[in-house]
Amino acid sequence: MTSARTISFDTFQLAAATADLSDEPAAREYADIVEFRLDLAHADASLPDPLTAITAYDQRDSLPLLVTNRPEWEGGKYGGDTTDRLKMLRTAATHDAVVAADIELKTLRTRQGKKAARDIRNNDVSIIASTHNFTSTPPRSVLDRRLHAAAQLGDVGKLAVTAQTHRDALRVLAATEQASRWGDIVATMAMGTPGRHTRVVAPVYGSRIGYAPVNPADATAPGQYDIKTFSKMIDNLTYE
């Protein structure tokens, strides 16, 4: 098993996305890391408190964690204020199992977000700077600027948009390739049916993180493959 503190986004990492850490054993055969959605766990009364769940998580035998606490204004379920949301991420980042934290690009551009990122990095935890569009795919120039900005503020810049056509998906792949040539470390995907294939082929163009639920019924974004299917498709492609 890879040590939690030696995970590297210099190579592709497959993340099993979940709000329930009890899913981790089923993901272990296929995933490199678990994206733990704090916001979804916090909003679901049937699940343990997310910070309590992390404290109980045994990192010695389990996959390392990428923690996300997505606000409602960026497609998540966390409805509280920014201070409390970032405090939860800071606390999560103190646990040895946590290797990365996702913070929205919009938040990272604020003084509060920048301070949270510094505090989190002080725990040797990487920052995933994310930006989402749940309705469309912006023009290529916008994709390039947004992805580069995210990669500059984060250790990985994550861009997720919604493809209405295959041409939209192609723009995402082109932006991924351009970012990689600039030397940016990025994770990209086009949500929705026309862009679904980008989740698998984007790593060919330089995307470093893919996301998939353990159970397809628990998808955290439109167009996700389940972790077993995604892993098999990834294994059949060459990324060098």
Protein backbone atom coordinates (compact mmCIF):
# COMPACT_ATOMS: atom_id res chain seq x y z
CA MET A 1 0.00 0.00 0.00
CA THR A 2 1.20 3.51 -0.77
CA SER A 3 1.92 5.54 2.35
CA ALA A 4 -0.51 8.40 2.85
CA ARG A 5 2.36 10.89 2.90
CA THR A 6 4.01 9.66 -0.31
CA ILE A 7 1.10 10.04 -2.75
CA SER A 8 2.16 12.03 -5.82
CA PHE A 9 0.08 13.88 -8.38
CA ASP A 10 2.98 13.73 -10.79
CA THR A 11 1.30 10.56 -12.03
CA PHE A 12 -2.38 9.72 -12.54
CA GLN A 13 -4.40 8.95 -9.40
CA LEU A 14 -7.82 7.31 -9.48
CA ALA A 15 -10.06 8.65 -6.70
CA ALA A 16 -13.02 6.74 -5.31
CA ALA A 17 -15.58 9.43 -4.49
CA THR A 18 -17.80 8.80 -1.47
CA ALA A 19 -19.57 10.35 1.50
CA ASP A 20 -19.18 7.14 3.51
CA LEU A 21 -15.71 5.90 4.47
CA SER A 22 -17.11 2.40 4.98
CA ASP A 23 -17.00 2.23 1.14
CA GLU A 24 -13.19 2.23 1.21
CA PRO A 25 -12.58 -1.54 1.41
CA ALA A 26 -14.60 -2.08 -1.78
CA ALA A 27 -12.55 0.61 -3.54
CA ARG A 28 -9.12 -0.58 -2.41
CA GLU A 29 -8.60 -2.98 -5.30
CA TYR A 30 -9.21 -0.28 -7.92
CA ALA A 31 -8.45 3.17 -6.51
CA ASP A 32 -5.30 5.03 -5.47
CA ILE A 33 -7.04 7.49 -3.18
CA VAL A 34 -10.49 8.20 -1.68
CA GLU A 35 -12.22 11.53 -2.21
CA PHE A 36 -14.18 11.93 1.02
CA ARG A 37 -17.06 14.37 0.48
CA LEU A 38 -17.36 16.07 3.86
CA ASP A 39 -20.28 18.17 2.63
CA LEU A 40 -22.34 15.15 1.60
CA ALA A 41 -21.60 13.33 4.85
CA HIS A 42 -22.42 16.45 6.87
CA ALA A 43 -25.77 16.80 5.08
CA ASP A 44 -26.77 13.15 5.54
CA ALA A 45 -28.10 12.46 9.03
CA SER A 46 -27.73 8.72 8.47
CA LEU A 47 -23.93 9.03 8.20
CA PRO A 48 -21.40 9.68 10.98
CA ASP A 49 -20.08 13.18 11.51
CA PRO A 50 -17.35 13.50 8.84
CA LEU A 51 -14.58 14.60 11.22
CA THR A 52 -15.46 11.76 13.59
CA ALA A 53 -15.31 9.37 10.62
CA ILE A 54 -11.82 10.59 9.69
CA THR A 55 -10.60 10.24 13.28
CA ALA A 56 -11.80 6.62 13.28
CA TYR A 57 -10.28 5.90 9.86
CA ASP A 58 -7.31 3.53 10.02
CA GLN A 59 -4.79 4.95 7.54
CA ARG A 60 -2.38 2.04 8.12
CA ASP A 61 -4.55 -0.35 6.12
CA SER A 62 -6.62 2.05 4.02
CA LEU A 63 -6.29 4.35 1.03
CA PRO A 64 -5.19 7.95 1.64
CA LEU A 65 -7.87 10.65 1.64
CA LEU A 66 -8.60 13.68 -0.49
CA VAL A 67 -11.11 15.76 1.48
CA THR A 68 -13.71 17.97 -0.21
CA ASN A 69 -16.22 20.24 1.51
CA ARG A 70 -18.15 21.66 -1.43
CA PRO A 71 -20.47 24.64 -0.85
CA GLU A 72 -23.94 24.80 -2.35
CA TRP A 73 -22.90 27.64 -4.66
CA GLU A 74 -20.40 25.28 -6.33
CA GLY A 75 -22.71 22.29 -6.64
CA GLY A 76 -22.12 20.81 -3.18
CA LYS A 77 -24.26 20.27 -0.10
CA TYR A 78 -22.56 22.44 2.52
CA GLY A 79 -24.94 25.25 3.39
CA GLY A 80 -23.03 26.84 6.28
CA ASP A 81 -20.77 29.85 6.14
CA THR A 82 -17.30 29.86 4.63
CA THR A 83 -15.50 30.16 7.97
CA ASP A 84 -17.04 26.96 9.33
CA ARG A 85 -16.57 25.14 6.04
CA LEU A 86 -12.87 25.96 5.85
CA LYS A 87 -12.41 25.19 9.54
CA MET A 88 -13.70 21.68 8.85
CA LEU A 89 -11.14 21.27 6.05
CA ARG A 90 -8.34 22.57 8.28
CA THR A 91 -9.25 20.08 11.00
CA ALA A 92 -9.47 17.22 8.52
CA ALA A 93 -6.02 18.12 7.17
CA THR A 94 -4.41 17.47 10.56
CA HIS A 95 -5.13 13.74 10.26
CA ASP A 96 -2.37 11.54 8.87
CA ALA A 97 -4.69 9.83 6.38
CA VAL A 98 -5.41 13.10 4.56
CA VAL A 99 -3.03 13.90 1.69
CA ALA A 100 -5.04 16.52 -0.23
CA ALA A 101 -7.85 19.03 0.24
CA ASP A 102 -10.09 20.45 -2.47
CA ILE A 103 -10.81 24.20 -2.28
CA GLU A 104 -12.72 26.11 -4.95
CA LEU A 105 -10.79 28.56 -7.12
CA LYS A 106 -13.23 31.31 -6.16
CA THR A 107 -12.49 30.68 -2.47
CA LEU A 108 -8.74 30.55 -3.02
CA ARG A 109 -8.86 34.01 -4.54
CA THR A 110 -10.06 35.44 -1.22
CA ARG A 111 -7.88 36.33 1.78
CA GLN A 112 -9.73 33.76 3.87
CA GLY A 113 -9.19 31.03 1.29
CA LYS A 114 -5.51 31.81 0.87
CA LYS A 115 -4.95 31.59 4.61
CA ALA A 116 -6.80 28.27 4.80
CA ALA A 117 -4.63 26.89 1.99
CA ARG A 118 -1.45 27.96 3.82
CA ASP A 119 -2.62 26.33 7.04
CA ILE A 120 -3.54 23.12 5.23
CA ARG A 121 -0.22 22.99 3.38
CA ASN A 122 1.57 23.32 6.73
CA ASN A 123 0.32 19.79 7.39
CA ASP A 124 2.01 18.54 4.18
CA VAL A 125 -1.40 18.32 2.52
CA SER A 126 -1.73 19.26 -1.16
CA ILE A 127 -4.35 21.71 -2.43
CA ILE A 128 -6.66 20.82 -5.31
CA ALA A 129 -7.91 24.16 -6.69
CA SER A 130 -11.23 23.37 -8.37
CA THR A 131 -13.59 25.19 -10.68
CA HIS A 132 -16.91 23.87 -12.00
CA ASN A 133 -19.52 24.76 -14.57
CA PHE A 134 -22.69 22.67 -14.27
CA THR A 135 -24.49 24.10 -17.30
CA SER A 136 -22.04 24.47 -20.20
CA THR A 137 -18.48 24.45 -21.54
CA PRO A 138 -16.99 27.94 -21.86
CA PRO A 139 -14.92 29.02 -24.88
CA ARG A 140 -11.43 27.60 -25.18
CA SER A 141 -9.75 30.85 -24.09
CA VAL A 142 -11.77 30.84 -20.87
CA LEU A 143 -10.89 27.20 -20.21
CA ASP A 144 -7.19 27.92 -20.68
CA ARG A 145 -7.22 30.92 -18.33
CA ARG A 146 -9.32 29.24 -15.66
CA LEU A 147 -7.33 26.03 -15.66
CA HIS A 148 -4.01 27.87 -15.53
CA ALA A 149 -5.24 30.07 -12.67
CA ALA A 150 -6.34 27.00 -10.71
CA ALA A 151 -2.99 25.28 -11.29
CA GLN A 152 -1.15 28.38 -10.08
CA LEU A 153 -3.13 28.63 -6.83
CA GLY A 154 -3.28 24.90 -6.17
CA ASP A 155 -0.86 22.01 -6.35
CA VAL A 156 -3.36 20.59 -8.85
CA GLY A 157 -5.80 22.68 -10.87
CA LYS A 158 -9.13 20.91 -11.37
CA LEU A 159 -11.59 21.91 -14.10
CA ALA A 160 -15.00 20.26 -14.50
CA VAL A 161 -17.47 21.62 -17.05
CA THR A 162 -20.64 20.32 -18.68
CA ALA A 163 -20.47 19.21 -22.30
CA GLN A 164 -23.54 19.66 -24.47
CA THR A 165 -21.78 18.31 -27.58
CA HIS A 166 -18.71 16.28 -28.45
CA ARG A 167 -17.10 19.50 -29.65
CA ASP A 168 -17.37 20.79 -26.07
CA ALA A 169 -15.56 17.67 -24.89
CA LEU A 170 -12.83 18.21 -27.45
CA ARG A 171 -12.21 21.73 -26.10
CA VAL A 172 -11.69 20.30 -22.63
CA LEU A 173 -9.14 17.81 -23.93
CA ALA A 174 -7.35 20.53 -25.90
CA ALA A 175 -7.19 22.75 -22.81
CA THR A 176 -5.81 19.82 -20.82
CA GLU A 177 -3.06 19.23 -23.37
CA GLN A 178 -2.18 22.94 -23.43
CA ALA A 179 -1.98 23.13 -19.64
CA SER A 180 0.31 20.11 -19.58
CA ARG A 181 2.63 21.72 -22.15
CA TRP A 182 2.78 24.79 -19.90
CA GLY A 183 3.91 22.52 -17.08
CA ASP A 184 0.70 22.83 -15.06
CA ILE A 185 -0.50 19.87 -13.00
CA VAL A 186 -4.20 19.54 -13.75
CA ALA A 187 -7.26 17.31 -13.43
CA THR A 188 -9.97 17.75 -16.04
CA MET A 189 -13.28 16.27 -17.09
CA ALA A 190 -16.44 17.13 -19.00
CA MET A 191 -19.60 16.16 -17.16
CA GLY A 192 -22.73 14.93 -18.92
CA THR A 193 -23.25 12.24 -21.55
CA PRO A 194 -21.37 13.92 -24.48
CA GLY A 195 -18.35 14.42 -22.25
CA ARG A 196 -18.39 11.20 -20.32
CA HIS A 197 -15.53 9.65 -22.29
CA THR A 198 -13.23 12.53 -21.28
CA ARG A 199 -13.03 11.06 -17.79
CA VAL A 200 -11.16 8.10 -19.26
CA VAL A 201 -9.15 9.72 -22.05
CA ALA A 202 -8.22 13.04 -20.36
CA PRO A 203 -5.23 11.35 -18.65
CA VAL A 204 -3.78 10.73 -22.13
CA TYR A 205 -3.61 14.53 -22.46
CA GLY A 206 -2.21 15.13 -18.98
CA SER A 207 -5.08 14.96 -16.47
CA ARG A 208 -3.75 13.64 -13.15
CA ILE A 209 -6.90 12.74 -11.22
CA GLY A 210 -9.99 10.76 -12.17
CA TYR A 211 -13.08 10.45 -9.98
CA ALA A 212 -15.51 7.53 -9.73
CA PRO A 213 -18.01 6.29 -7.14
CA VAL A 214 -17.72 2.82 -5.67
CA ASN A 215 -21.44 2.32 -6.35
CA PRO A 216 -22.79 3.94 -9.56
CA ALA A 217 -25.97 4.88 -7.68
CA ASP A 218 -23.84 7.13 -5.47
CA ALA A 219 -22.29 9.22 -8.25
CA THR A 220 -21.18 12.64 -7.01
CA ALA A 221 -21.20 14.27 -10.48
CA PRO A 222 -23.02 13.70 -13.80
CA GLY A 223 -21.47 11.10 -16.10
CA GLN A 224 -19.25 9.30 -13.61
CA TYR A 225 -18.35 5.66 -14.23
CA ASP A 226 -18.29 3.33 -11.23
CA ILE A 227 -14.80 2.70 -9.85
CA LYS A 228 -14.48 -0.89 -11.13
CA THR A 229 -15.46 0.02 -14.70
CA PHE A 230 -13.29 3.14 -14.70
CA SER A 231 -10.28 1.23 -13.40
CA LYS A 232 -10.57 -1.41 -16.13
CA MET A 233 -10.82 1.24 -18.88
CA ILE A 234 -7.85 3.14 -17.47
CA ASP A 235 -5.76 -0.03 -17.42
CA ASN A 236 -6.43 -0.52 -21.14
CA LEU A 237 -5.05 2.88 -22.12
CA THR A 238 -1.46 4.05 -22.36
CA TYR A 239 -0.64 7.42 -20.84
CA GLU A 240 3.05 7.72 -21.68
